[in-house]
Amino acid sequence: MLLVNMKKHYLLSTILIILLISFNARSQEATNEGFKPYGKPILKIFTNFHSSITKGLDNSGFEIKRAYFGYQYNLSKNFEIALKLDIGSPNDASEYSLLRRFAYFKNAYVKYKWDKLSTQFGIIDVFQFAIQEKYWAHRYISKSFMDEYRFGPKADLGWNITYSFADFISADFGFYNGEGYTKLQADNAFKGGLGISVFPLNGLIVRVYGDMIKKGVYRKSISGFVGYKYKNKFIGGVEYNYQFNFNYEDGQDKYGYSVYGSYYLFKKWQLFARFDQVYSNILQLDDQPWDLERDGSAITAGVEFSPIRQVKIALNYQDWVPYAKNINNEAYIFLNFEYKM
């Protein structure tokens, strides 16, 4: 019944948005007179060299983790379309997954922006992931917490809308297929997400978010986030995430937090660090967490050099410490690169 109501609200909201866009598009025709449409290519590549420094773990080599190619085009002052391909490894558990590469549409959307309202439709980034990734600020080194530990897909087929009620508060709502951008089949299951962002001080954001989808059981996520940016000197954040019925398994929850920050020593040099902890709950009649072999803490710390805006180079230390006593930790030295246009 809840999903039926969500579908009805989604249909009604979509109709209202279409009517609003149509009305405003007519009123803005005069404003757009003289506007010259323009576009720009999208190119971003993540690559690295890494070497294990853990005794008994022989793992080193070069990798191309991700390559994004696409084009963004502004049709008018209010309309934008974009198409972006993601070429990378699938998110499966196979030990051979890094040896294969697949191409997916990461983004394929139309965006409309007018005054305090912004809306997108198509294969779009989930707004919650985009916010956390922005303040982590080192996606080319590792994913943000919810993305890294599979609390949901970063991009999905669907629709979202953001509205700024005032300078200090905004809200966003998304309605998605729930499968992610690599699996676009329809199965009558939809994910709805709602977030509220408050900006009490200049550079400070306080945010709460929740989403829900049903596939046999309700999988629900809640998240709290605080981010801060101080001029061109510091950017960082703290987030806590909890997901009920992880992977649609009744009673199996995952939760944890992430703390990260970047400090600019000079214009082209910065120090950065991050600490994650991820847990699973203990089920009835059990004495250990149900996903103990994947529970643990992660440390990332290093220095970044950006000789030009389009290039980033980071020398960093990464360490994964599992909570299971029979699994050894994994420590690496990484040299990461990002190239973009």
Protein backbone atom coordinates (compact mmCIF):
# COMPACT_ATOMS: atom_id res chain seq x y z
CA MET A 1 0.00 0.00 0.00
CA LEU A 2 2.86 2.36 0.86
CA LEU A 3 4.55 1.77 -2.51
CA VAL A 4 1.24 2.32 -4.32
CA ASN A 5 0.85 5.65 -2.55
CA MET A 6 4.45 6.53 -3.39
CA LYS A 7 3.79 5.78 -7.07
CA LYS A 8 0.66 7.97 -7.02
CA HIS A 9 2.53 10.84 -5.38
CA TYR A 10 5.39 10.38 -7.86
CA LEU A 11 3.00 10.53 -10.85
CA LEU A 12 1.20 13.58 -9.46
CA SER A 13 4.48 15.34 -8.63
CA THR A 14 5.86 14.60 -12.09
CA ILE A 15 2.75 16.09 -13.75
CA LEU A 16 3.01 19.20 -11.58
CA ILE A 17 6.70 19.61 -12.40
CA ILE A 18 6.03 19.24 -16.14
CA LEU A 19 3.30 21.87 -15.93
CA LEU A 20 5.57 24.18 -13.94
CA ILE A 21 8.41 23.76 -16.43
CA SER A 22 6.07 24.37 -19.37
CA PHE A 23 4.69 27.53 -17.78
CA ASN A 24 8.11 28.90 -16.91
CA ALA A 25 9.60 27.93 -20.28
CA ARG A 26 7.02 30.14 -22.00
CA SER A 27 7.62 33.04 -19.62
CA GLN A 28 11.37 32.78 -20.16
CA GLU A 29 11.41 32.68 -23.97
CA ALA A 30 12.13 36.38 -24.04
CA THR A 31 14.87 36.00 -21.46
CA ASN A 32 16.55 33.30 -23.53
CA GLU A 33 16.54 35.42 -26.66
CA GLY A 34 20.15 36.01 -27.58
CA PHE A 35 21.31 32.99 -25.60
CA LYS A 36 23.79 30.91 -27.55
CA PRO A 37 23.68 27.18 -26.72
CA TYR A 38 27.03 25.73 -25.75
CA GLY A 39 28.51 22.44 -24.66
CA LYS A 40 31.65 20.89 -23.27
CA PRO A 41 33.19 17.42 -23.37
CA ILE A 42 33.41 15.27 -20.25
CA LEU A 43 36.64 13.35 -19.70
CA LYS A 44 37.85 11.98 -16.38
CA ILE A 45 40.28 9.12 -15.76
CA PHE A 46 41.29 7.51 -12.45
CA THR A 47 44.47 5.47 -12.49
CA ASN A 48 47.03 4.35 -9.92
CA PHE A 49 50.09 2.34 -9.06
CA HIS A 50 49.94 0.44 -5.77
CA SER A 51 52.13 -1.90 -3.78
CA SER A 52 51.34 -3.96 -0.71
CA ILE A 53 53.48 -3.43 2.38
CA THR A 54 51.82 -6.22 4.38
CA LYS A 55 54.02 -9.23 5.03
CA GLY A 56 52.85 -12.22 3.02
CA LEU A 57 50.58 -10.17 0.74
CA ASP A 58 52.14 -9.89 -2.72
CA ASN A 59 49.96 -7.48 -4.66
CA SER A 60 51.24 -4.59 -6.73
CA GLY A 61 50.71 -3.13 -10.18
CA PHE A 62 49.09 -0.45 -12.32
CA GLU A 63 45.33 0.01 -12.58
CA ILE A 64 42.86 2.13 -14.49
CA LYS A 65 39.97 2.17 -12.06
CA ARG A 66 37.57 4.39 -13.95
CA ALA A 67 37.27 6.28 -17.22
CA TYR A 68 34.38 8.68 -17.86
CA PHE A 69 33.60 10.01 -21.33
CA GLY A 70 30.67 12.16 -22.35
CA TYR A 71 29.24 15.51 -23.32
CA GLN A 72 27.22 18.18 -21.53
CA TYR A 73 25.14 20.64 -23.52
CA ASN A 74 23.25 23.72 -22.34
CA LEU A 75 20.19 24.17 -24.54
CA SER A 76 19.14 27.41 -22.82
CA LYS A 77 19.64 29.24 -19.56
CA ASN A 78 17.35 26.70 -17.91
CA PHE A 79 17.76 23.40 -19.77
CA GLU A 80 20.79 21.14 -19.78
CA ILE A 81 21.32 17.65 -21.17
CA ALA A 82 24.24 15.32 -20.52
CA LEU A 83 25.46 11.89 -21.55
CA LYS A 84 28.35 10.17 -19.77
CA LEU A 85 29.84 6.70 -20.18
CA ASP A 86 31.47 4.89 -17.27
CA ILE A 87 34.12 2.36 -18.20
CA GLY A 88 35.26 0.33 -15.20
CA SER A 89 35.00 -2.91 -13.26
CA PRO A 90 31.66 -4.42 -12.25
CA ASN A 91 30.65 -4.34 -8.61
CA ASP A 92 30.75 -8.08 -8.03
CA ALA A 93 32.64 -10.24 -5.58
CA SER A 94 34.65 -12.19 -8.12
CA GLU A 95 38.38 -12.24 -7.53
CA TYR A 96 38.74 -11.71 -11.28
CA SER A 97 36.44 -8.68 -11.46
CA LEU A 98 39.32 -6.20 -11.78
CA LEU A 99 40.51 -8.00 -14.92
CA ARG A 100 37.38 -7.10 -16.84
CA ARG A 101 36.00 -3.80 -18.06
CA PHE A 102 32.44 -2.85 -18.90
CA ALA A 103 30.91 0.32 -20.32
CA TYR A 104 27.69 1.72 -18.89
CA PHE A 105 25.72 4.91 -19.21
CA LYS A 106 26.61 6.61 -15.92
CA ASN A 107 24.51 9.66 -16.75
CA ALA A 108 21.92 10.33 -19.42
CA TYR A 109 19.56 13.06 -18.29
CA VAL A 110 17.78 16.32 -18.91
CA LYS A 111 18.05 18.99 -16.22
CA TYR A 112 15.87 22.01 -15.65
CA LYS A 113 16.81 24.86 -13.30
CA TRP A 114 14.74 27.91 -12.49
CA ASP A 115 15.24 30.27 -9.59
CA LYS A 116 15.30 28.10 -6.42
CA LEU A 117 14.17 24.88 -8.11
CA SER A 118 16.27 22.26 -9.90
CA THR A 119 15.11 18.92 -11.28
CA GLN A 120 16.63 16.06 -13.28
CA PHE A 121 15.20 13.07 -15.10
CA GLY A 122 17.02 10.07 -16.58
CA ILE A 123 20.12 8.24 -15.36
CA ILE A 124 21.22 10.65 -12.66
CA ASP A 125 23.53 10.85 -9.66
CA VAL A 126 21.80 10.24 -6.34
CA PHE A 127 21.99 13.60 -4.59
CA GLN A 128 23.01 12.15 -1.21
CA PHE A 129 26.08 10.44 -2.68
CA ALA A 130 27.06 13.57 -4.59
CA ILE A 131 27.02 15.68 -1.42
CA GLN A 132 29.21 13.28 0.58
CA GLU A 133 31.60 12.80 -2.32
CA LYS A 134 32.00 16.57 -2.72
CA TYR A 135 33.24 17.02 0.85
CA TRP A 136 35.42 13.90 0.76
CA ALA A 137 36.93 15.54 -2.35
CA HIS A 138 39.11 12.56 -3.37
CA ARG A 139 36.87 10.26 -5.38
CA TYR A 140 39.79 9.26 -7.61
CA ILE A 141 41.42 7.66 -4.55
CA SER A 142 38.37 5.94 -3.04
CA LYS A 143 34.57 6.10 -3.03
CA SER A 144 32.53 7.84 -0.36
CA PHE A 145 31.25 5.69 2.53
CA MET A 146 27.79 4.74 1.25
CA ASP A 147 29.20 3.98 -2.19
CA GLU A 148 32.22 2.04 -0.90
CA TYR A 149 30.24 -0.24 1.41
CA ARG A 150 27.31 -0.72 -0.98
CA PHE A 151 24.54 1.07 0.86
CA GLY A 152 23.05 1.73 -2.56
CA PRO A 153 23.99 2.81 -6.10
CA LYS A 154 25.56 6.21 -6.62
CA ALA A 155 23.66 6.73 -9.88
CA ASP A 156 20.25 5.41 -10.83
CA LEU A 157 17.43 5.75 -13.33
CA GLY A 158 14.82 8.10 -11.97
CA TRP A 159 13.88 11.64 -11.10
CA ASN A 160 14.94 14.09 -8.42
CA ILE A 161 14.08 17.61 -7.39
CA THR A 162 15.78 20.11 -5.10
CA TYR A 163 14.28 23.31 -3.78
CA SER A 164 15.84 26.08 -1.69
CA PHE A 165 13.25 27.49 0.68
CA ALA A 166 15.75 30.11 1.87
CA ASP A 167 19.49 30.72 1.90
CA PHE A 168 19.84 28.56 5.01
CA ILE A 169 17.64 25.54 4.16
CA SER A 170 16.87 23.31 1.18
CA ALA A 171 15.22 19.95 0.57
CA ASP A 172 15.64 17.27 -2.07
CA PHE A 173 13.48 14.35 -3.08
CA GLY A 174 14.39 11.46 -5.38
CA PHE A 175 12.39 8.61 -6.85
CA TYR A 176 14.53 5.90 -8.44
CA ASN A 177 14.39 2.53 -10.10
CA GLY A 178 16.49 1.21 -7.23
CA GLU A 179 18.71 -1.05 -9.35
CA GLY A 180 21.55 1.37 -10.11
CA TYR A 181 22.88 2.53 -13.44
CA THR A 182 24.25 -0.92 -14.42
CA LYS A 183 20.89 -2.68 -13.98
CA LEU A 184 17.98 -0.80 -15.47
CA GLN A 185 15.34 -3.53 -15.61
CA ALA A 186 11.86 -2.81 -14.26
CA ASP A 187 10.65 -4.94 -11.34
CA ASN A 188 7.88 -2.80 -9.78
CA ALA A 189 10.20 -1.83 -6.92
CA PHE A 190 11.09 1.83 -6.47
CA LYS A 191 13.30 3.70 -4.05
CA GLY A 192 12.21 6.98 -2.56
CA GLY A 193 14.67 9.27 -0.79
CA LEU A 194 14.29 12.54 1.07
CA GLY A 195 17.01 14.86 2.36
CA ILE A 196 17.04 18.16 4.21
CA SER A 197 20.10 20.42 4.27
CA VAL A 198 20.61 23.32 6.68
CA PHE A 199 23.34 25.96 6.28
CA PRO A 200 23.61 27.63 9.70
CA LEU A 201 26.95 29.31 8.96
CA ASN A 202 28.92 30.25 5.91
CA GLY A 203 30.66 27.10 4.63
CA LEU A 204 28.81 24.77 7.03
CA ILE A 205 26.18 22.18 6.04
CA VAL A 206 24.14 19.97 8.38
CA ARG A 207 22.12 17.30 6.61
CA VAL A 208 19.77 14.41 7.35
CA TYR A 209 18.67 11.88 4.78
CA GLY A 210 16.56 8.74 4.51
CA ASP A 211 15.46 6.35 1.77
CA MET A 212 13.39 3.20 1.45
CA ILE A 213 12.72 0.42 -1.06
CA LYS A 214 10.81 -2.84 -0.78
CA LYS A 215 11.85 -6.17 -2.30
CA GLY A 216 10.28 -8.77 -0.07
CA VAL A 217 11.33 -6.68 2.95
CA TYR A 218 11.81 -2.97 3.36
CA ARG A 219 15.40 -1.86 3.03
CA LYS A 220 15.71 1.49 4.78
CA SER A 221 18.68 3.84 5.10
CA ILE A 222 19.21 6.81 7.38
CA SER A 223 22.15 9.18 7.32
CA GLY A 224 23.43 12.21 9.18
CA PHE A 225 26.13 14.45 7.73
CA VAL A 226 28.05 17.56 8.73
CA GLY A 227 30.38 19.20 6.22
CA TYR A 228 32.54 22.31 6.40
CA LYS A 229 34.55 24.29 3.88
CA TYR A 230 36.75 27.21 4.84
CA LYS A 231 37.79 29.32 1.87
CA ASN A 232 40.61 27.53 0.01
CA LYS A 233 42.20 26.17 3.17
CA PHE A 234 40.08 23.29 4.46
CA ILE A 235 37.24 20.98 3.43
CA GLY A 236 35.96 17.96 5.30
CA GLY A 237 33.03 16.13 6.80
CA VAL A 238 31.65 13.64 9.28
CA GLU A 239 28.89 11.19 8.37
CA TYR A 240 26.98 8.37 10.05
CA ASN A 241 25.01 5.83 8.01
CA TYR A 242 22.71 2.99 9.02
CA GLN A 243 20.92 0.57 6.70
CA PHE A 244 18.21 -1.80 7.87
CA ASN A 245 17.84 -5.13 6.05
CA PHE A 246 21.04 -4.80 4.06
CA ASN A 247 20.80 -6.63 0.69
CA TYR A 248 17.10 -7.18 1.45
CA GLU A 249 17.89 -9.74 4.15
CA ASP A 250 15.47 -9.43 7.05
CA GLY A 251 17.19 -8.36 10.27
CA GLN A 252 20.67 -8.00 8.77
CA ASP A 253 21.79 -4.39 9.28
CA LYS A 254 24.97 -2.51 8.36
CA TYR A 255 26.14 0.76 9.86
CA GLY A 256 29.17 2.91 10.41
CA TYR A 257 30.74 6.32 10.14
CA SER A 258 33.39 8.18 8.17
CA VAL A 259 35.53 11.19 9.12
CA TYR A 260 37.64 13.00 6.52
CA GLY A 261 39.38 16.27 5.83
CA SER A 262 41.77 18.05 3.47
CA TYR A 263 44.07 20.93 4.39
CA TYR A 264 45.80 23.07 1.78
CA LEU A 265 49.43 23.65 2.67
CA PHE A 266 49.94 25.76 -0.44
CA LYS A 267 47.89 26.52 -3.52
CA LYS A 268 48.86 23.27 -5.26
CA TRP A 269 49.62 21.08 -2.26
CA GLN A 270 47.30 19.58 0.34
CA LEU A 271 47.26 16.99 3.10
CA PHE A 272 44.27 14.69 3.45
CA ALA A 273 43.13 11.92 5.76
CA ARG A 274 40.10 9.70 6.27
CA PHE A 275 38.97 7.12 8.81
CA ASP A 276 36.04 4.69 8.32
CA GLN A 277 34.43 2.13 10.57
CA VAL A 278 31.78 -0.28 9.27
CA TYR A 279 29.85 -2.83 11.34
CA SER A 280 27.09 -5.41 11.06
CA ASN A 281 24.63 -6.27 13.82
CA ILE A 282 24.45 -9.50 15.82
CA LEU A 283 21.40 -11.60 15.00
CA GLN A 284 19.35 -13.43 17.60
CA LEU A 285 20.87 -16.77 18.66
CA ASP A 286 24.26 -15.66 17.25
CA ASP A 287 27.27 -14.45 19.20
CA GLN A 288 29.06 -12.67 16.33
CA PRO A 289 28.02 -10.06 13.77
CA TRP A 290 26.47 -11.65 10.69
CA ASP A 291 28.96 -9.99 8.29
CA LEU A 292 32.04 -10.06 10.51
CA GLU A 293 34.42 -10.95 7.66
CA ARG A 294 33.59 -7.63 5.95
CA ASP A 295 33.44 -5.50 9.10
CA GLY A 296 36.45 -3.37 9.89
CA SER A 297 38.11 0.01 9.80
CA ALA A 298 39.89 1.79 6.97
CA ILE A 299 42.56 4.47 7.10
CA THR A 300 43.63 6.67 4.20
CA ALA A 301 46.20 9.45 4.52
CA GLY A 302 48.50 11.22 2.11
CA VAL A 303 49.56 14.30 0.22
CA GLU A 304 48.15 15.63 -3.06
CA PHE A 305 49.85 17.75 -5.70
CA SER A 306 47.90 19.46 -8.47
CA PRO A 307 50.29 21.07 -10.99
CA ILE A 308 47.33 22.27 -13.09
CA ARG A 309 43.58 22.22 -12.47
CA GLN A 310 43.04 19.21 -14.73
CA VAL A 311 45.61 16.93 -13.03
CA LYS A 312 45.85 15.56 -9.49
CA ILE A 313 48.57 13.30 -8.10
CA ALA A 314 48.38 11.76 -4.64
CA LEU A 315 50.87 9.68 -2.71
CA ASN A 316 48.97 7.95 0.08
CA TYR A 317 48.83 5.13 2.60
CA GLN A 318 45.74 2.87 2.77
CA ASP A 319 45.09 0.30 5.46
CA TRP A 320 42.12 -2.04 5.98
CA VAL A 321 41.87 -3.61 9.45
CA PRO A 322 39.23 -6.39 9.61
CA TYR A 323 37.54 -7.07 12.95
CA ALA A 324 37.63 -10.83 12.38
CA LYS A 325 40.70 -12.14 14.24
CA ASN A 326 41.42 -14.78 11.61
CA ILE A 327 41.78 -12.24 8.76
CA ASN A 328 44.96 -10.20 8.36
CA ASN A 329 44.99 -6.49 7.73
CA GLU A 330 45.94 -5.13 4.31
CA ALA A 331 48.24 -2.13 3.99
CA TYR A 332 49.22 -0.45 0.72
CA ILE A 333 51.14 2.48 -0.65
CA PHE A 334 49.26 4.12 -3.53
CA LEU A 335 50.20 6.66 -6.16
CA ASN A 336 46.88 7.88 -7.57
CA PHE A 337 46.26 10.07 -10.61
CA GLU A 338 43.24 11.96 -11.89
CA TYR A 339 43.07 13.50 -15.35
CA LYS A 340 40.04 15.53 -16.40
CA MET A 341 38.81 18.16 -18.81
